[in-house]
Protein backbone atom coordinates (compact mmCIF):
# COMPACT_ATOMS: atom_id res chain seq x y z
CA UNK A 1 30.17 201.22 11.23
CA UNK A 2 32.13 202.76 14.15
CA UNK A 3 35.02 205.15 13.40
CA UNK A 4 37.84 205.64 15.92
CA UNK A 5 39.27 208.77 15.95
CA UNK A 6 43.01 209.63 16.95
CA UNK A 7 43.18 211.15 20.64
CA UNK A 8 45.79 211.80 23.18
CA UNK A 9 45.48 212.73 26.94
CA UNK A 10 47.25 215.02 28.95
CA UNK A 11 47.96 215.48 32.54
CA UNK A 12 49.14 218.65 34.23
CA UNK A 13 49.51 220.95 37.15
CA UNK A 14 49.63 217.74 39.17
CA UNK A 15 49.96 218.20 43.40
CA UNK A 16 49.84 215.91 45.68
CA UNK A 17 45.97 216.85 46.22
CA UNK A 18 44.55 217.83 42.49
CA UNK A 19 45.49 217.63 38.76
CA UNK A 20 44.01 218.62 35.45
CA UNK A 21 43.39 216.08 32.63
CA UNK A 22 42.48 216.94 29.08
CA UNK A 23 42.05 214.90 25.63
CA UNK A 24 42.10 215.96 22.16
CA UNK A 25 40.78 214.51 19.10
CA UNK A 26 42.04 214.68 15.66
CA UNK A 27 39.65 214.41 12.80
CA UNK A 28 42.32 214.77 10.19
CA UNK A 29 44.84 212.53 11.10
CA UNK A 30 46.75 214.46 13.42
CA UNK A 31 47.20 217.60 11.41
CA UNK A 32 45.15 219.55 13.88
CA UNK A 33 43.95 218.93 17.28
CA UNK A 34 40.60 219.78 19.21
CA UNK A 35 40.18 220.05 23.08
CA UNK A 36 37.12 217.88 23.57
CA UNK A 37 37.17 216.90 27.17
CA UNK A 38 38.83 218.68 30.28
CA UNK A 39 38.39 217.33 33.82
CA UNK A 40 40.02 218.98 37.38
CA UNK A 41 40.30 216.09 39.91
CA UNK A 42 40.60 217.04 43.65
CA UNK A 43 41.51 214.41 46.26
CA UNK A 44 38.68 213.94 48.89
CA UNK A 45 39.35 214.30 52.27
């Protein structure tokens, strides 16, 4: 059986050439959130 956990993405520190993104998961129906994925994007030249 596959269990789908609630999650939400967040984009921040957005500029013309880069941004940060993270995703948080909740294992208790949204009462507490845990960061589980973080990425820093940079535009290629």
